[in-house]
């Protein structure tokens, strides 16, 4: 199996692996996918459909540390790689509030304690 190589050395934020459902909406369509990692900078998503790099998108997902309340965030698709019959998509967050940063940071640190 060929693994895509997003330039891991360019990552500048602590990131945790996760498998959480996510909805990604762009002006073209709405995609239900799986979040595979999360950081304060962005997320990695595995999807059956591609998202064009540079597209601004709306991301909806929930986290257990806020009682699975839905978060609706804005982002930009920064990378898309075709992997077998799916797409690995890198999404960079745009304009996160201090509250959302705190929620994501808490999730990352609590997730790391249980790994």
N, C-alpha and C. Protein backbone atom coordinates (compact mmCIF):
# COMPACT_ATOMS: atom_id res chain seq x y z
N UNK A 1 0.84 -1.18 0.00
CA UNK A 1 0.00 0.00 0.00
C UNK A 1 0.89 1.24 0.00
N UNK A 2 0.56 2.19 -0.83
CA UNK A 2 1.32 3.43 -0.90
C UNK A 2 0.73 4.42 0.07
N UNK A 3 1.55 4.98 0.94
CA UNK A 3 1.11 5.99 1.89
C UNK A 3 1.41 7.36 1.32
N UNK A 4 0.44 8.27 1.37
CA UNK A 4 0.73 9.62 0.89
C UNK A 4 1.69 10.29 1.85
N UNK A 5 2.49 11.17 1.33
CA UNK A 5 3.45 11.85 2.20
C UNK A 5 3.16 13.32 2.21
N UNK A 6 2.33 13.74 3.16
CA UNK A 6 2.18 15.15 3.42
C UNK A 6 3.44 15.49 4.17
N UNK A 7 4.01 16.62 3.93
CA UNK A 7 5.29 16.97 4.53
C UNK A 7 5.14 17.15 6.03
N UNK A 8 5.36 16.05 6.77
CA UNK A 8 5.18 16.04 8.22
C UNK A 8 6.11 17.03 8.89
N UNK A 9 7.28 17.26 8.33
CA UNK A 9 8.21 18.21 8.94
C UNK A 9 7.65 19.63 8.95
N UNK A 10 6.70 19.93 8.09
CA UNK A 10 6.12 21.27 8.04
C UNK A 10 5.05 21.48 9.10
N UNK A 11 4.61 20.40 9.74
CA UNK A 11 3.58 20.53 10.76
C UNK A 11 4.15 21.29 11.95
N UNK A 12 3.44 22.30 12.38
CA UNK A 12 3.96 23.12 13.46
C UNK A 12 3.04 23.12 14.67
N UNK A 13 2.23 22.09 14.81
CA UNK A 13 1.34 22.00 15.97
C UNK A 13 1.21 20.55 16.40
N UNK A 14 1.03 20.38 17.70
CA UNK A 14 0.81 19.05 18.25
C UNK A 14 -0.49 18.49 17.68
N UNK A 15 -0.47 17.23 17.30
CA UNK A 15 -1.59 16.62 16.58
C UNK A 15 -1.85 15.24 17.17
N UNK A 16 -3.14 14.86 17.26
CA UNK A 16 -3.50 13.53 17.74
C UNK A 16 -4.32 12.81 16.68
N UNK A 17 -4.16 11.51 16.65
CA UNK A 17 -4.97 10.68 15.76
C UNK A 17 -6.34 10.47 16.39
N UNK A 18 -7.34 10.43 15.55
CA UNK A 18 -8.70 10.21 16.02
C UNK A 18 -9.53 9.66 14.86
N UNK A 19 -10.65 9.09 15.17
CA UNK A 19 -11.58 8.65 14.14
C UNK A 19 -12.95 9.17 14.52
N UNK A 20 -13.28 10.34 14.01
CA UNK A 20 -14.54 11.00 14.34
C UNK A 20 -15.25 11.39 13.05
N UNK A 21 -16.56 11.26 13.03
CA UNK A 21 -17.29 11.69 11.84
C UNK A 21 -17.22 13.21 11.68
N UNK A 22 -17.23 13.65 10.45
CA UNK A 22 -17.13 15.07 10.15
C UNK A 22 -17.93 15.36 8.88
N UNK A 23 -18.49 16.55 8.82
CA UNK A 23 -19.16 17.00 7.60
C UNK A 23 -18.38 18.19 7.06
N UNK A 24 -18.08 18.12 5.78
CA UNK A 24 -17.33 19.19 5.12
C UNK A 24 -18.22 19.76 4.03
N UNK A 25 -18.47 21.06 4.10
CA UNK A 25 -19.34 21.70 3.12
C UNK A 25 -18.57 22.78 2.37
N UNK A 26 -18.60 22.67 1.06
CA UNK A 26 -18.02 23.72 0.21
C UNK A 26 -19.13 24.23 -0.69
N UNK A 27 -18.82 25.20 -1.51
CA UNK A 27 -19.85 25.72 -2.41
C UNK A 27 -20.28 24.69 -3.44
N UNK A 28 -19.50 23.62 -3.59
CA UNK A 28 -19.85 22.59 -4.57
C UNK A 28 -20.73 21.49 -3.99
N UNK A 29 -20.48 21.10 -2.72
CA UNK A 29 -21.19 19.95 -2.18
C UNK A 29 -20.98 19.81 -0.68
N UNK A 30 -21.71 18.87 -0.10
CA UNK A 30 -21.53 18.50 1.30
C UNK A 30 -21.03 17.06 1.33
N UNK A 31 -19.96 16.84 2.08
CA UNK A 31 -19.32 15.53 2.14
C UNK A 31 -19.32 15.05 3.59
N UNK A 32 -19.75 13.81 3.80
CA UNK A 32 -19.61 13.17 5.10
C UNK A 32 -18.34 12.35 5.04
N UNK A 33 -17.46 12.55 6.00
CA UNK A 33 -16.14 11.92 5.96
C UNK A 33 -15.71 11.52 7.37
N UNK A 34 -14.42 11.18 7.50
CA UNK A 34 -13.87 10.79 8.79
C UNK A 34 -12.65 11.66 9.09
N UNK A 35 -12.67 12.29 10.27
CA UNK A 35 -11.51 13.05 10.73
C UNK A 35 -10.49 12.03 11.25
N UNK A 36 -9.26 12.10 10.74
CA UNK A 36 -8.25 11.13 11.18
C UNK A 36 -7.20 11.74 12.09
N UNK A 37 -7.07 13.06 12.09
CA UNK A 37 -6.21 13.72 13.08
C UNK A 37 -6.67 15.15 13.29
N UNK A 38 -6.24 15.70 14.43
CA UNK A 38 -6.69 17.03 14.84
C UNK A 38 -5.56 17.76 15.53
N UNK A 39 -5.42 19.03 15.22
CA UNK A 39 -4.45 19.91 15.89
C UNK A 39 -5.08 21.29 16.01
N UNK A 40 -4.36 22.20 16.65
CA UNK A 40 -4.84 23.57 16.74
C UNK A 40 -4.77 24.30 15.41
N UNK A 41 -4.02 23.75 14.48
CA UNK A 41 -3.85 24.37 13.17
C UNK A 41 -4.87 23.84 12.16
N UNK A 42 -5.23 22.55 12.28
CA UNK A 42 -6.15 21.98 11.30
C UNK A 42 -6.43 20.52 11.56
N UNK A 43 -6.99 19.88 10.54
CA UNK A 43 -7.37 18.48 10.65
C UNK A 43 -6.99 17.73 9.38
N UNK A 44 -6.89 16.42 9.54
CA UNK A 44 -6.75 15.52 8.41
C UNK A 44 -8.06 14.78 8.26
N UNK A 45 -8.53 14.65 7.03
CA UNK A 45 -9.82 14.04 6.75
C UNK A 45 -9.64 12.96 5.69
N UNK A 46 -10.33 11.85 5.88
CA UNK A 46 -10.38 10.78 4.88
C UNK A 46 -11.78 10.79 4.28
N UNK A 47 -11.86 10.92 2.95
CA UNK A 47 -13.14 11.11 2.27
C UNK A 47 -13.21 10.28 1.00
N UNK A 48 -14.42 9.95 0.60
CA UNK A 48 -14.61 9.26 -0.67
C UNK A 48 -14.61 10.24 -1.84
N UNK A 49 -14.72 11.55 -1.54
CA UNK A 49 -14.74 12.57 -2.58
C UNK A 49 -13.63 13.57 -2.32
N UNK A 50 -13.04 14.12 -3.37
CA UNK A 50 -11.98 15.12 -3.18
C UNK A 50 -12.53 16.50 -2.87
N UNK A 51 -11.68 17.34 -2.33
CA UNK A 51 -11.96 18.76 -2.18
C UNK A 51 -10.80 19.48 -2.84
N UNK A 52 -11.08 20.42 -3.68
CA UNK A 52 -10.02 21.13 -4.38
C UNK A 52 -9.19 21.96 -3.41
N UNK A 53 -7.89 21.89 -3.57
CA UNK A 53 -6.99 22.69 -2.74
C UNK A 53 -7.29 24.17 -2.94
N UNK A 54 -7.29 24.90 -1.84
CA UNK A 54 -7.56 26.32 -1.87
C UNK A 54 -9.02 26.68 -1.62
N UNK A 55 -9.91 25.67 -1.67
CA UNK A 55 -11.32 25.94 -1.42
C UNK A 55 -11.56 26.28 0.05
N UNK A 56 -12.34 27.32 0.28
CA UNK A 56 -12.79 27.62 1.64
C UNK A 56 -13.98 26.73 1.94
N UNK A 57 -13.98 26.16 3.14
CA UNK A 57 -15.01 25.18 3.49
C UNK A 57 -15.52 25.42 4.90
N UNK A 58 -16.66 24.82 5.18
CA UNK A 58 -17.22 24.81 6.53
C UNK A 58 -17.11 23.38 7.04
N UNK A 59 -16.64 23.23 8.27
CA UNK A 59 -16.39 21.93 8.87
C UNK A 59 -17.29 21.79 10.09
N UNK A 60 -18.00 20.67 10.20
CA UNK A 60 -18.86 20.43 11.36
C UNK A 60 -18.47 19.09 11.98
N UNK A 61 -18.16 19.11 13.29
CA UNK A 61 -17.83 17.89 14.02
C UNK A 61 -18.09 18.12 15.49
N UNK A 62 -18.02 17.06 16.28
CA UNK A 62 -18.22 17.19 17.72
C UNK A 62 -17.05 16.56 18.45
N UNK A 63 -16.87 16.98 19.70
CA UNK A 63 -15.82 16.43 20.55
C UNK A 63 -16.43 16.04 21.90
N UNK A 64 -15.96 14.96 22.48
CA UNK A 64 -16.55 14.49 23.74
C UNK A 64 -16.31 15.41 24.93
N UNK A 65 -15.25 16.19 24.91
CA UNK A 65 -14.95 17.04 26.07
C UNK A 65 -15.89 18.23 26.19
N UNK A 66 -16.78 18.43 25.22
CA UNK A 66 -17.82 19.46 25.35
C UNK A 66 -19.19 18.81 25.13
N UNK A 67 -19.32 17.58 25.66
CA UNK A 67 -20.58 16.82 25.59
C UNK A 67 -21.08 16.62 24.17
N UNK A 68 -20.14 16.41 23.26
CA UNK A 68 -20.45 16.15 21.85
C UNK A 68 -21.26 17.26 21.19
N UNK A 69 -21.14 18.47 21.70
CA UNK A 69 -21.78 19.63 21.06
C UNK A 69 -21.10 19.85 19.71
N UNK A 70 -21.91 20.15 18.69
CA UNK A 70 -21.35 20.37 17.36
C UNK A 70 -20.54 21.65 17.29
N UNK A 71 -19.39 21.55 16.68
CA UNK A 71 -18.56 22.71 16.37
C UNK A 71 -18.67 22.96 14.87
N UNK A 72 -18.86 24.20 14.50
CA UNK A 72 -18.92 24.59 13.09
C UNK A 72 -17.79 25.58 12.86
N UNK A 73 -16.79 25.18 12.08
CA UNK A 73 -15.59 25.98 11.87
C UNK A 73 -15.36 26.23 10.39
N UNK A 74 -14.57 27.24 10.12
CA UNK A 74 -14.18 27.54 8.74
C UNK A 74 -12.75 27.08 8.51
N UNK A 75 -12.46 26.67 7.30
CA UNK A 75 -11.11 26.24 6.97
C UNK A 75 -10.84 26.35 5.49
N UNK A 76 -9.62 25.99 5.14
CA UNK A 76 -9.17 25.99 3.75
C UNK A 76 -8.53 24.64 3.46
N UNK A 77 -8.93 24.01 2.38
CA UNK A 77 -8.31 22.75 1.96
C UNK A 77 -6.90 23.07 1.47
N UNK A 78 -5.90 22.54 2.16
CA UNK A 78 -4.52 22.86 1.81
C UNK A 78 -3.83 21.74 1.04
N UNK A 79 -4.33 20.53 1.19
CA UNK A 79 -3.72 19.39 0.49
C UNK A 79 -4.79 18.34 0.21
N UNK A 80 -4.68 17.67 -0.93
CA UNK A 80 -5.54 16.54 -1.25
C UNK A 80 -4.68 15.49 -1.94
N UNK A 81 -4.74 14.27 -1.42
CA UNK A 81 -3.99 13.16 -2.02
C UNK A 81 -4.92 11.99 -2.25
N UNK A 82 -4.87 11.41 -3.44
CA UNK A 82 -5.67 10.24 -3.75
C UNK A 82 -4.97 9.01 -3.18
N UNK A 83 -5.66 8.27 -2.33
CA UNK A 83 -5.09 7.08 -1.70
C UNK A 83 -6.06 5.93 -1.95
N UNK A 84 -5.65 5.01 -2.79
CA UNK A 84 -6.51 3.90 -3.22
C UNK A 84 -7.84 4.47 -3.70
N UNK A 85 -8.95 4.17 -3.03
CA UNK A 85 -10.25 4.64 -3.50
C UNK A 85 -10.79 5.78 -2.64
N UNK A 86 -9.89 6.49 -1.93
CA UNK A 86 -10.30 7.57 -1.06
C UNK A 86 -9.36 8.77 -1.24
N UNK A 87 -9.68 9.84 -0.53
CA UNK A 87 -8.86 11.05 -0.58
C UNK A 87 -8.46 11.44 0.83
N UNK A 88 -7.20 11.73 1.01
CA UNK A 88 -6.69 12.26 2.26
C UNK A 88 -6.59 13.77 2.07
N UNK A 89 -7.32 14.51 2.91
CA UNK A 89 -7.43 15.95 2.74
C UNK A 89 -6.90 16.66 3.98
N UNK A 90 -6.01 17.60 3.78
CA UNK A 90 -5.52 18.44 4.87
C UNK A 90 -6.29 19.74 4.86
N UNK A 91 -6.84 20.09 6.03
CA UNK A 91 -7.64 21.31 6.14
C UNK A 91 -7.03 22.19 7.23
N UNK A 92 -6.75 23.43 6.88
CA UNK A 92 -6.21 24.39 7.83
C UNK A 92 -7.36 25.25 8.35
N UNK A 93 -7.45 25.35 9.69
CA UNK A 93 -8.50 26.18 10.29
C UNK A 93 -8.27 27.65 9.95
N UNK A 94 -9.38 28.38 9.97
CA UNK A 94 -9.34 29.80 9.69
C UNK A 94 -10.03 30.53 10.85
N UNK A 95 -9.34 31.47 11.47
CA UNK A 95 -9.93 32.35 12.49
C UNK A 95 -10.59 31.61 13.66
N UNK A 96 -9.84 30.75 14.35
CA UNK A 96 -10.39 30.07 15.52
C UNK A 96 -10.49 31.03 16.70
N UNK A 97 -11.61 31.00 17.38
CA UNK A 97 -11.77 31.80 18.59
C UNK A 97 -10.92 31.20 19.72
N UNK A 98 -10.67 31.97 20.75
CA UNK A 98 -9.93 31.47 21.92
C UNK A 98 -10.66 30.29 22.55
N UNK A 99 -11.99 30.34 22.57
CA UNK A 99 -12.77 29.25 23.15
C UNK A 99 -12.56 27.95 22.36
N UNK A 100 -12.65 28.01 21.05
CA UNK A 100 -12.46 26.82 20.22
C UNK A 100 -11.04 26.30 20.35
N UNK A 101 -10.06 27.19 20.40
CA UNK A 101 -8.67 26.76 20.60
C UNK A 101 -8.55 26.01 21.93
N UNK A 102 -9.19 26.51 22.97
CA UNK A 102 -9.15 25.87 24.28
C UNK A 102 -9.81 24.48 24.23
N UNK A 103 -10.95 24.37 23.55
CA UNK A 103 -11.65 23.09 23.43
C UNK A 103 -10.78 22.07 22.71
N UNK A 104 -10.17 22.48 21.60
CA UNK A 104 -9.32 21.56 20.83
C UNK A 104 -8.09 21.18 21.64
N UNK A 105 -7.48 22.15 22.30
CA UNK A 105 -6.29 21.88 23.12
C UNK A 105 -6.62 20.90 24.25
N UNK A 106 -7.75 21.09 24.91
CA UNK A 106 -8.17 20.16 25.97
C UNK A 106 -8.37 18.75 25.42
N UNK A 107 -8.99 18.65 24.24
CA UNK A 107 -9.20 17.34 23.62
C UNK A 107 -7.87 16.67 23.32
N UNK A 108 -6.94 17.42 22.75
CA UNK A 108 -5.62 16.87 22.40
C UNK A 108 -4.93 16.34 23.65
N UNK A 109 -4.90 17.13 24.72
CA UNK A 109 -4.20 16.70 25.93
C UNK A 109 -4.90 15.56 26.64
N UNK A 110 -6.22 15.54 26.66
CA UNK A 110 -6.92 14.42 27.30
C UNK A 110 -6.77 13.16 26.46
N UNK A 111 -6.76 13.30 25.16
CA UNK A 111 -6.59 12.17 24.26
C UNK A 111 -5.22 11.53 24.43
N UNK A 112 -4.20 12.36 24.61
CA UNK A 112 -2.83 11.86 24.76
C UNK A 112 -2.67 11.09 26.07
N UNK A 113 -3.37 11.50 27.11
CA UNK A 113 -3.26 10.79 28.40
C UNK A 113 -3.75 9.36 28.32
N UNK A 114 -4.70 9.09 27.42
CA UNK A 114 -5.30 7.76 27.35
C UNK A 114 -4.75 6.90 26.21
N UNK A 115 -3.68 7.36 25.58
CA UNK A 115 -3.06 6.55 24.51
C UNK A 115 -1.96 5.71 25.06
